[in-house]
Amino acid sequence: MSDSTPFLVRRYLDDDPSAFAQLVGRYQDRVFRLCFRMLGHRQDAEDATQETFTRVARHLRGWDAGRPIEPWLLAIAGNRCRTLLSRRRLTLPLLAAAEPASDATEAERQAEQLEEEVHVALAGLRPQHRQAFLLFHRSELSYAEIAERMECPVGTVKTWVHRARVDLIRQLRQREVLAE
């Protein structure tokens, strides 16, 4: 089956709103999954997905029909997510200053924020690294048990867990969640 995306884009640009609805239907799940992996919150991911398609509608004339549309859509979605993440970092300190909180509430908020940041960073890891890391740290499986479950050598599992730790720390430092 050939890709009818250029045809749908032409129809939308010729004032057929149903064509854009079909484009959204075709790519919405992929865009949402990316946004959810980056943001870690369903509502934020829904907002970013909506903003992505709003931007796509405005800038569709600039899309090069000779290239696949999905990478372009996902790049826009990634930019929307990074914008939301930067706004989140800017507003969280302001919110903390605006409302006095007890020490327990502040500690809970910081723990939740750290958990969100770790979740987003984990989503950025290679799938095998993430799975090995989670099986080791969350499920508390031994390297041998993980190797059996993932059907690979124990040495590979040790490497994946180590690389996941290194990448996780690097990402958290880049996003200034952890100090250098």
N, C-alpha and C. Protein backbone atom coordinates (compact mmCIF):
# COMPACT_ATOMS: atom_id res chain seq x y z
N MET A 1 0.86 -1.19 0.00
CA MET A 1 0.00 0.00 0.00
C MET A 1 0.89 1.23 0.00
N SER A 2 0.62 2.16 -0.88
CA SER A 2 1.45 3.37 -0.96
C SER A 2 1.01 4.38 0.09
N ASP A 3 1.93 5.28 0.42
CA ASP A 3 1.65 6.29 1.43
C ASP A 3 0.80 7.40 0.83
N SER A 4 -0.36 7.61 1.41
CA SER A 4 -1.28 8.63 0.89
C SER A 4 -1.12 9.96 1.63
N THR A 5 -0.06 10.08 2.45
CA THR A 5 0.13 11.30 3.22
C THR A 5 0.23 12.54 2.32
N PRO A 6 1.04 12.53 1.26
CA PRO A 6 1.10 13.74 0.41
C PRO A 6 -0.27 14.11 -0.17
N PHE A 7 -1.06 13.09 -0.50
CA PHE A 7 -2.40 13.33 -1.02
C PHE A 7 -3.27 13.99 0.05
N LEU A 8 -3.20 13.51 1.28
CA LEU A 8 -3.98 14.11 2.37
C LEU A 8 -3.54 15.54 2.64
N VAL A 9 -2.24 15.78 2.59
CA VAL A 9 -1.73 17.13 2.81
C VAL A 9 -2.25 18.07 1.73
N ARG A 10 -2.19 17.62 0.47
CA ARG A 10 -2.72 18.45 -0.62
C ARG A 10 -4.19 18.76 -0.42
N ARG A 11 -4.96 17.75 -0.04
CA ARG A 11 -6.40 17.95 0.20
C ARG A 11 -6.62 18.97 1.33
N TYR A 12 -5.83 18.86 2.41
CA TYR A 12 -5.98 19.80 3.52
C TYR A 12 -5.63 21.22 3.07
N LEU A 13 -4.54 21.35 2.32
CA LEU A 13 -4.12 22.67 1.85
C LEU A 13 -5.12 23.25 0.85
N ASP A 14 -5.92 22.38 0.25
CA ASP A 14 -7.00 22.83 -0.64
C ASP A 14 -8.32 22.99 0.13
N ASP A 15 -8.23 23.22 1.43
CA ASP A 15 -9.37 23.52 2.29
C ASP A 15 -10.32 22.33 2.53
N ASP A 16 -9.76 21.15 2.73
CA ASP A 16 -10.56 19.98 3.11
C ASP A 16 -10.17 19.60 4.54
N PRO A 17 -10.93 20.09 5.56
CA PRO A 17 -10.55 19.82 6.95
C PRO A 17 -10.59 18.33 7.31
N SER A 18 -11.39 17.54 6.60
CA SER A 18 -11.43 16.10 6.92
C SER A 18 -10.09 15.44 6.62
N ALA A 19 -9.33 15.98 5.69
CA ALA A 19 -8.02 15.42 5.36
C ALA A 19 -7.06 15.58 6.55
N PHE A 20 -7.14 16.73 7.22
CA PHE A 20 -6.26 16.92 8.38
C PHE A 20 -6.68 15.99 9.52
N ALA A 21 -7.97 15.80 9.69
CA ALA A 21 -8.45 14.86 10.71
C ALA A 21 -7.91 13.46 10.43
N GLN A 22 -7.82 13.08 9.18
CA GLN A 22 -7.26 11.77 8.82
C GLN A 22 -5.76 11.72 9.12
N LEU A 23 -5.05 12.82 8.85
CA LEU A 23 -3.62 12.87 9.19
C LEU A 23 -3.41 12.73 10.69
N VAL A 24 -4.21 13.47 11.45
CA VAL A 24 -4.11 13.38 12.91
C VAL A 24 -4.38 11.95 13.36
N GLY A 25 -5.44 11.36 12.84
CA GLY A 25 -5.76 9.99 13.20
C GLY A 25 -4.64 9.01 12.89
N ARG A 26 -3.95 9.25 11.81
CA ARG A 26 -2.88 8.36 11.39
C ARG A 26 -1.64 8.47 12.28
N TYR A 27 -1.31 9.68 12.76
CA TYR A 27 -0.04 9.89 13.47
C TYR A 27 -0.20 10.24 14.95
N GLN A 28 -1.40 10.42 15.43
CA GLN A 28 -1.62 10.88 16.80
C GLN A 28 -1.01 9.93 17.83
N ASP A 29 -1.18 8.64 17.67
CA ASP A 29 -0.65 7.70 18.66
C ASP A 29 0.86 7.78 18.77
N ARG A 30 1.55 7.86 17.63
CA ARG A 30 3.02 7.93 17.66
C ARG A 30 3.49 9.22 18.31
N VAL A 31 2.82 10.32 17.98
CA VAL A 31 3.20 11.61 18.57
C VAL A 31 2.94 11.59 20.08
N PHE A 32 1.78 11.06 20.47
CA PHE A 32 1.45 11.01 21.90
C PHE A 32 2.46 10.15 22.67
N ARG A 33 2.83 8.99 22.11
CA ARG A 33 3.79 8.11 22.81
C ARG A 33 5.12 8.82 23.03
N LEU A 34 5.58 9.55 22.02
CA LEU A 34 6.83 10.30 22.18
C LEU A 34 6.67 11.34 23.29
N CYS A 35 5.58 12.09 23.24
CA CYS A 35 5.35 13.14 24.24
C CYS A 35 5.25 12.55 25.65
N PHE A 36 4.58 11.43 25.76
CA PHE A 36 4.44 10.81 27.08
C PHE A 36 5.79 10.32 27.60
N ARG A 37 6.60 9.73 26.71
CA ARG A 37 7.94 9.28 27.14
C ARG A 37 8.78 10.46 27.60
N MET A 38 8.68 11.58 26.91
CA MET A 38 9.51 12.74 27.26
C MET A 38 9.00 13.46 28.51
N LEU A 39 7.68 13.56 28.66
CA LEU A 39 7.11 14.38 29.73
C LEU A 39 6.72 13.59 30.97
N GLY A 40 6.36 12.34 30.80
CA GLY A 40 6.04 11.50 31.94
C GLY A 40 4.67 11.72 32.55
N HIS A 41 3.88 12.61 32.02
CA HIS A 41 2.52 12.89 32.51
C HIS A 41 1.54 12.82 31.35
N ARG A 42 0.45 12.13 31.56
CA ARG A 42 -0.54 11.95 30.50
C ARG A 42 -1.11 13.30 30.03
N GLN A 43 -1.52 14.15 30.98
CA GLN A 43 -2.14 15.42 30.59
C GLN A 43 -1.14 16.31 29.85
N ASP A 44 0.09 16.37 30.33
CA ASP A 44 1.12 17.15 29.63
C ASP A 44 1.36 16.60 28.23
N ALA A 45 1.37 15.26 28.10
CA ALA A 45 1.57 14.64 26.80
C ALA A 45 0.40 14.95 25.86
N GLU A 46 -0.81 14.95 26.40
CA GLU A 46 -1.98 15.30 25.58
C GLU A 46 -1.88 16.75 25.11
N ASP A 47 -1.48 17.65 26.02
CA ASP A 47 -1.31 19.06 25.66
C ASP A 47 -0.24 19.22 24.57
N ALA A 48 0.88 18.54 24.75
CA ALA A 48 1.97 18.64 23.77
C ALA A 48 1.55 18.07 22.42
N THR A 49 0.78 16.99 22.45
CA THR A 49 0.29 16.39 21.20
C THR A 49 -0.61 17.38 20.48
N GLN A 50 -1.51 18.00 21.23
CA GLN A 50 -2.41 18.98 20.62
C GLN A 50 -1.63 20.17 20.06
N GLU A 51 -0.67 20.66 20.82
CA GLU A 51 0.15 21.78 20.34
C GLU A 51 0.93 21.38 19.09
N THR A 52 1.40 20.13 19.05
CA THR A 52 2.14 19.65 17.88
C THR A 52 1.27 19.74 16.64
N PHE A 53 0.04 19.22 16.72
CA PHE A 53 -0.81 19.22 15.53
C PHE A 53 -1.31 20.62 15.19
N THR A 54 -1.41 21.49 16.17
CA THR A 54 -1.76 22.89 15.88
C THR A 54 -0.63 23.53 15.06
N ARG A 55 0.61 23.27 15.46
CA ARG A 55 1.76 23.81 14.72
C ARG A 55 1.85 23.19 13.33
N VAL A 56 1.60 21.89 13.26
CA VAL A 56 1.64 21.22 11.96
C VAL A 56 0.63 21.86 11.02
N ALA A 57 -0.58 22.11 11.51
CA ALA A 57 -1.62 22.72 10.67
C ALA A 57 -1.17 24.08 10.15
N ARG A 58 -0.50 24.86 11.01
CA ARG A 58 -0.07 26.19 10.60
C ARG A 58 1.10 26.16 9.62
N HIS A 59 1.95 25.15 9.74
CA HIS A 59 3.20 25.13 8.96
C HIS A 59 3.26 24.02 7.92
N LEU A 60 2.13 23.43 7.61
CA LEU A 60 2.11 22.30 6.69
C LEU A 60 2.58 22.69 5.29
N ARG A 61 2.38 23.94 4.91
CA ARG A 61 2.85 24.37 3.59
C ARG A 61 4.37 24.29 3.49
N GLY A 62 5.06 24.36 4.62
CA GLY A 62 6.52 24.30 4.62
C GLY A 62 7.08 22.89 4.60
N TRP A 63 6.22 21.88 4.71
CA TRP A 63 6.70 20.49 4.69
C TRP A 63 7.11 20.10 3.28
N ASP A 64 8.25 19.47 3.16
CA ASP A 64 8.76 18.99 1.87
C ASP A 64 8.11 17.65 1.56
N ALA A 65 7.19 17.63 0.61
CA ALA A 65 6.43 16.42 0.27
C ALA A 65 7.32 15.30 -0.26
N GLY A 66 8.55 15.60 -0.57
CA GLY A 66 9.47 14.57 -1.02
C GLY A 66 10.09 13.79 0.13
N ARG A 67 9.84 14.22 1.34
CA ARG A 67 10.40 13.56 2.52
C ARG A 67 9.28 12.97 3.35
N PRO A 68 9.58 11.97 4.17
CA PRO A 68 8.53 11.40 5.02
C PRO A 68 8.06 12.42 6.05
N ILE A 69 6.78 12.38 6.37
CA ILE A 69 6.23 13.37 7.30
C ILE A 69 6.47 13.00 8.76
N GLU A 70 6.57 11.71 9.05
CA GLU A 70 6.68 11.29 10.45
C GLU A 70 7.89 11.89 11.18
N PRO A 71 9.10 11.87 10.62
CA PRO A 71 10.22 12.49 11.33
C PRO A 71 9.99 13.99 11.59
N TRP A 72 9.36 14.65 10.63
CA TRP A 72 9.05 16.08 10.79
C TRP A 72 8.06 16.27 11.95
N LEU A 73 7.01 15.46 11.98
CA LEU A 73 6.03 15.53 13.07
C LEU A 73 6.69 15.28 14.42
N LEU A 74 7.51 14.24 14.49
CA LEU A 74 8.15 13.88 15.76
C LEU A 74 9.16 14.94 16.20
N ALA A 75 9.80 15.60 15.25
CA ALA A 75 10.71 16.69 15.61
C ALA A 75 9.93 17.85 16.22
N ILE A 76 8.78 18.16 15.64
CA ILE A 76 7.94 19.23 16.20
C ILE A 76 7.47 18.83 17.60
N ALA A 77 7.05 17.57 17.75
CA ALA A 77 6.59 17.09 19.06
C ALA A 77 7.72 17.16 20.08
N GLY A 78 8.92 16.75 19.69
CA GLY A 78 10.06 16.83 20.61
C GLY A 78 10.34 18.26 21.04
N ASN A 79 10.24 19.19 20.10
CA ASN A 79 10.46 20.60 20.43
C ASN A 79 9.38 21.11 21.39
N ARG A 80 8.13 20.71 21.18
CA ARG A 80 7.04 21.11 22.08
C ARG A 80 7.31 20.57 23.48
N CYS A 81 7.76 19.33 23.58
CA CYS A 81 8.03 18.72 24.88
C CYS A 81 9.18 19.42 25.59
N ARG A 82 10.24 19.72 24.85
CA ARG A 82 11.37 20.43 25.47
C ARG A 82 10.94 21.81 25.96
N THR A 83 10.07 22.47 25.22
CA THR A 83 9.55 23.76 25.66
C THR A 83 8.75 23.61 26.96
N LEU A 84 7.88 22.60 27.00
CA LEU A 84 7.10 22.37 28.22
C LEU A 84 8.01 22.01 29.40
N LEU A 85 9.04 21.21 29.15
CA LEU A 85 9.96 20.85 30.23
C LEU A 85 10.71 22.08 30.75
N SER A 86 11.11 22.97 29.85
CA SER A 86 11.81 24.17 30.30
C SER A 86 10.87 25.09 31.07
N ARG A 87 9.62 25.18 30.64
CA ARG A 87 8.63 25.97 31.39
C ARG A 87 8.40 25.37 32.77
N ARG A 88 8.36 24.05 32.82
CA ARG A 88 8.15 23.35 34.09
C ARG A 88 9.28 23.69 35.06
N ARG A 89 10.52 23.69 34.55
CA ARG A 89 11.66 24.02 35.41
C ARG A 89 11.61 25.46 35.88
N LEU A 90 11.11 26.35 35.02
CA LEU A 90 11.03 27.76 35.41
C LEU A 90 9.90 28.01 36.40
N THR A 91 8.77 27.33 36.24
CA THR A 91 7.62 27.61 37.10
C THR A 91 7.68 26.88 38.43
N LEU A 92 8.35 25.74 38.53
CA LEU A 92 8.40 25.03 39.80
C LEU A 92 9.05 25.86 40.91
N PRO A 93 10.19 26.53 40.65
CA PRO A 93 10.75 27.36 41.72
C PRO A 93 9.81 28.53 42.08
N LEU A 94 9.12 29.09 41.09
CA LEU A 94 8.20 30.19 41.37
C LEU A 94 7.02 29.71 42.21
N LEU A 95 6.49 28.54 41.90
CA LEU A 95 5.39 28.00 42.69
C LEU A 95 5.82 27.74 44.12
N ALA A 96 7.01 27.23 44.30
CA ALA A 96 7.50 26.94 45.64
C ALA A 96 7.63 28.23 46.45
N ALA A 97 8.05 29.31 45.81
CA ALA A 97 8.20 30.58 46.51
C ALA A 97 6.85 31.23 46.79
N ALA A 98 5.86 30.96 45.95
CA ALA A 98 4.56 31.62 46.08
C ALA A 98 3.72 31.05 47.22
N GLU A 99 3.87 29.78 47.51
CA GLU A 99 3.06 29.19 48.56
C GLU A 99 3.93 28.56 49.63
N PRO A 100 3.74 29.00 50.87
CA PRO A 100 4.52 28.40 51.94
C PRO A 100 4.10 26.94 52.12
N ALA A 101 5.07 26.09 52.32
CA ALA A 101 4.78 24.67 52.47
C ALA A 101 5.49 24.13 53.70
N SER A 102 4.90 23.12 54.28
CA SER A 102 5.55 22.49 55.42
C SER A 102 6.75 21.72 54.89
N ASP A 103 7.65 21.35 55.80
CA ASP A 103 8.83 20.60 55.39
C ASP A 103 8.44 19.28 54.74
N ALA A 104 7.39 18.63 55.27
CA ALA A 104 6.95 17.35 54.71
C ALA A 104 6.43 17.54 53.29
N THR A 105 5.63 18.59 53.08
CA THR A 105 5.08 18.84 51.75
C THR A 105 6.19 19.16 50.77
N GLU A 106 7.15 19.95 51.18
CA GLU A 106 8.28 20.30 50.32
C GLU A 106 9.08 19.05 49.97
N ALA A 107 9.34 18.22 50.93
CA ALA A 107 10.09 16.99 50.69
C ALA A 107 9.33 16.07 49.74
N GLU A 108 8.01 15.98 49.92
CA GLU A 108 7.19 15.16 49.03
C GLU A 108 7.23 15.71 47.60
N ARG A 109 7.13 17.03 47.48
CA ARG A 109 7.16 17.64 46.15
C ARG A 109 8.51 17.39 45.48
N GLN A 110 9.59 17.52 46.23
CA GLN A 110 10.91 17.28 45.66
C GLN A 110 11.08 15.82 45.25
N ALA A 111 10.55 14.91 46.08
CA ALA A 111 10.63 13.48 45.74
C ALA A 111 9.83 13.18 44.48
N GLU A 112 8.63 13.77 44.36
CA GLU A 112 7.81 13.57 43.16
C GLU A 112 8.50 14.14 41.93
N GLN A 113 9.10 15.32 42.09
CA GLN A 113 9.78 15.95 40.97
C GLN A 113 10.98 15.10 40.53
N LEU A 114 11.74 14.59 41.50
CA LEU A 114 12.87 13.73 41.17
C LEU A 114 12.40 12.46 40.48
N GLU A 115 11.31 11.88 40.98
CA GLU A 115 10.77 10.67 40.36
C GLU A 115 10.36 10.93 38.91
N GLU A 116 9.73 12.08 38.66
CA GLU A 116 9.35 12.44 37.29
C GLU A 116 10.58 12.58 36.40
N GLU A 117 11.60 13.25 36.91
CA GLU A 117 12.81 13.46 36.13
C GLU A 117 13.49 12.12 35.82
N VAL A 118 13.53 11.23 36.79
CA VAL A 118 14.12 9.91 36.57
C VAL A 118 13.30 9.15 35.54
N HIS A 119 11.97 9.24 35.64
CA HIS A 119 11.10 8.56 34.68
C HIS A 119 11.37 9.06 33.26
N VAL A 120 11.49 10.36 33.09
CA VAL A 120 11.77 10.94 31.77
C VAL A 120 13.15 10.48 31.29
N ALA A 121 14.13 10.50 32.19
CA ALA A 121 15.48 10.07 31.81
C ALA A 121 15.49 8.59 31.43
N LEU A 122 14.77 7.77 32.18
CA LEU A 122 14.69 6.34 31.85
C LEU A 122 14.10 6.13 30.46
N ALA A 123 13.12 6.93 30.12
CA ALA A 123 12.49 6.80 28.79
C ALA A 123 13.49 7.09 27.68
N GLY A 124 14.53 7.84 27.99
CA GLY A 124 15.53 8.17 26.98
C GLY A 124 16.62 7.12 26.81
N LEU A 125 16.60 6.07 27.64
CA LEU A 125 17.61 5.02 27.55
C LEU A 125 17.28 4.04 26.44
N ARG A 126 18.30 3.33 25.96
CA ARG A 126 18.07 2.25 25.01
C ARG A 126 17.18 1.21 25.68
N PRO A 127 16.26 0.61 24.95
CA PRO A 127 15.31 -0.33 25.56
C PRO A 127 15.94 -1.45 26.38
N GLN A 128 17.01 -2.09 25.86
CA GLN A 128 17.63 -3.18 26.61
C GLN A 128 18.28 -2.66 27.89
N HIS A 129 18.90 -1.51 27.83
CA HIS A 129 19.53 -0.93 29.01
C HIS A 129 18.48 -0.61 30.07
N ARG A 130 17.37 0.01 29.62
CA ARG A 130 16.30 0.37 30.55
C ARG A 130 15.71 -0.88 31.21
N GLN A 131 15.44 -1.90 30.40
CA GLN A 131 14.84 -3.11 30.93
C GLN A 131 15.77 -3.78 31.95
N ALA A 132 17.04 -3.91 31.62
CA ALA A 132 18.00 -4.52 32.54
C ALA A 132 18.10 -3.70 33.83
N PHE A 133 18.17 -2.38 33.69
CA PHE A 133 18.26 -1.49 34.85
C PHE A 133 17.05 -1.65 35.77
N LEU A 134 15.86 -1.65 35.18
CA LEU A 134 14.64 -1.76 35.98
C LEU A 134 14.51 -3.14 36.63
N LEU A 135 14.88 -4.18 35.91
CA LEU A 135 14.83 -5.52 36.51
C LEU A 135 15.80 -5.63 37.68
N PHE A 136 16.96 -4.98 37.56
CA PHE A 136 17.95 -5.04 38.63
C PHE A 136 17.54 -4.18 39.82
N HIS A 137 17.16 -2.91 39.56
CA HIS A 137 16.91 -1.97 40.65
C HIS A 137 15.49 -2.00 41.19
N ARG A 138 14.50 -2.16 40.34
CA ARG A 138 13.11 -2.17 40.83
C ARG A 138 12.63 -3.57 41.19
N SER A 139 12.92 -4.53 40.32
CA SER A 139 12.46 -5.90 40.58
C SER A 139 13.43 -6.67 41.45
N GLU A 140 14.62 -6.10 41.65
CA GLU A 140 15.66 -6.67 42.50
C GLU A 140 16.04 -8.09 42.09
N LEU A 141 16.11 -8.32 40.77
CA LEU A 141 16.56 -9.60 40.25
C LEU A 141 18.08 -9.61 40.20
N SER A 142 18.65 -10.80 40.30
CA SER A 142 20.10 -10.94 40.17
C SER A 142 20.48 -10.81 38.70
N TYR A 143 21.78 -10.61 38.45
CA TYR A 143 22.24 -10.54 37.07
C TYR A 143 21.89 -11.84 36.33
N ALA A 144 22.05 -12.98 37.00
CA ALA A 144 21.76 -14.27 36.36
C ALA A 144 20.28 -14.38 36.01
N GLU A 145 19.41 -13.93 36.91
CA GLU A 145 17.97 -13.98 36.63
C GLU A 145 17.60 -13.06 35.46
N ILE A 146 18.23 -11.90 35.43
CA ILE A 146 17.96 -10.96 34.33
C ILE A 146 18.46 -11.55 33.01
N ALA A 147 19.64 -12.15 33.04
CA ALA A 147 20.20 -12.76 31.83
C ALA A 147 19.27 -13.85 31.31
N GLU A 148 18.73 -14.64 32.22
CA GLU A 148 17.81 -15.70 31.81
C GLU A 148 16.55 -15.10 31.20
N ARG A 149 16.00 -14.10 31.86
CA ARG A 149 14.77 -13.47 31.37
C ARG A 149 14.98 -12.78 30.03
N MET A 150 16.13 -12.11 29.88
CA MET A 150 16.39 -11.36 28.65
C MET A 150 17.09 -12.20 27.59
N GLU A 151 17.39 -13.44 27.94
CA GLU A 151 18.02 -14.38 27.00
C GLU A 151 19.32 -13.82 26.43
N CYS A 152 20.23 -13.48 27.34
CA CYS A 152 21.54 -12.97 26.93
C CYS A 152 22.56 -13.35 28.01
N PRO A 153 23.85 -13.21 27.74
CA PRO A 153 24.88 -13.54 28.73
C PRO A 153 24.85 -12.60 29.94
N VAL A 154 25.31 -13.12 31.07
CA VAL A 154 25.36 -12.33 32.31
C VAL A 154 26.23 -11.09 32.12
N GLY A 155 27.36 -11.25 31.43
CA GLY A 155 28.24 -10.11 31.19
C GLY A 155 27.55 -8.98 30.43
N THR A 156 26.70 -9.35 29.50
CA THR A 156 25.94 -8.35 28.74
C THR A 156 24.99 -7.60 29.66
N VAL A 157 24.33 -8.33 30.54
CA VAL A 157 23.41 -7.69 31.50
C VAL A 157 24.16 -6.71 32.38
N LYS A 158 25.33 -7.11 32.89
CA LYS A 158 26.13 -6.21 33.74
C LYS A 158 26.50 -4.94 32.97
N THR A 159 26.87 -5.12 31.70
CA THR A 159 27.22 -3.96 30.87
C THR A 159 26.01 -3.05 30.69
N TRP A 160 24.86 -3.64 30.38
CA TRP A 160 23.66 -2.84 30.15
C TRP A 160 23.25 -2.07 31.40
N VAL A 161 23.30 -2.72 32.56
CA VAL A 161 22.93 -2.03 33.81
C VAL A 161 23.91 -0.89 34.08
N HIS A 162 25.19 -1.15 33.88
CA HIS A 162 26.20 -0.11 34.09
C HIS A 162 25.98 1.07 33.13
N ARG A 163 25.77 0.77 31.85
CA ARG A 163 25.56 1.84 30.87
C ARG A 163 24.29 2.62 31.17
N ALA A 164 23.26 1.92 31.63
CA ALA A 164 22.02 2.61 31.99
C ALA A 164 22.27 3.59 33.13
N ARG A 165 23.03 3.16 34.14
CA ARG A 165 23.36 4.06 35.26
C ARG A 165 24.11 5.29 34.77
N VAL A 166 25.12 5.06 33.95
CA VAL A 166 25.95 6.16 33.44
C VAL A 166 25.09 7.13 32.62
N ASP A 167 24.26 6.58 31.72
CA ASP A 167 23.41 7.44 30.88
C ASP A 167 22.38 8.18 31.72
N LEU A 168 21.81 7.52 32.70
CA LEU A 168 20.81 8.13 33.57
C LEU A 168 21.43 9.31 34.33
N ILE A 169 22.58 9.10 34.90
CA ILE A 169 23.27 10.18 35.63
C ILE A 169 23.63 11.33 34.69
N ARG A 170 24.12 10.98 33.49
CA ARG A 170 24.47 12.01 32.51
C ARG A 170 23.26 12.87 32.16
N GLN A 171 22.12 12.21 31.90
CA GLN A 171 20.90 12.95 31.54
C GLN A 171 20.44 13.84 32.70
N LEU A 172 20.48 13.31 33.90
CA LEU A 172 20.03 14.09 35.06
C LEU A 172 20.96 15.27 35.31
N ARG A 173 22.24 15.11 35.04
CA ARG A 173 23.17 16.24 35.18
C ARG A 173 22.94 17.27 34.08
N GLN A 174 22.68 16.80 32.86
CA GLN A 174 22.42 17.71 31.75
C GLN A 174 21.20 18.57 32.05
N ARG A 175 20.19 17.98 32.65
CA ARG A 175 18.95 18.69 32.94
C ARG A 175 19.01 19.39 34.31
N GLU A 176 20.22 19.39 34.89
CA GLU A 176 20.49 20.08 36.15
C GLU A 176 19.64 19.57 37.30
N VAL A 177 19.30 18.28 37.26
CA VAL A 177 18.60 17.65 38.38
C VAL A 177 19.62 17.22 39.40
N LEU A 178 20.78 16.75 38.93
CA LEU A 178 21.90 16.39 39.80
C LEU A 178 23.03 17.38 39.60
N ALA A 179 23.73 17.66 40.67
CA ALA A 179 24.89 18.54 40.58
C ALA A 179 26.06 17.76 40.03
N GLU A 180 26.98 18.45 39.38
CA GLU A 180 28.18 17.81 38.80
C GLU A 180 29.03 17.20 39.87
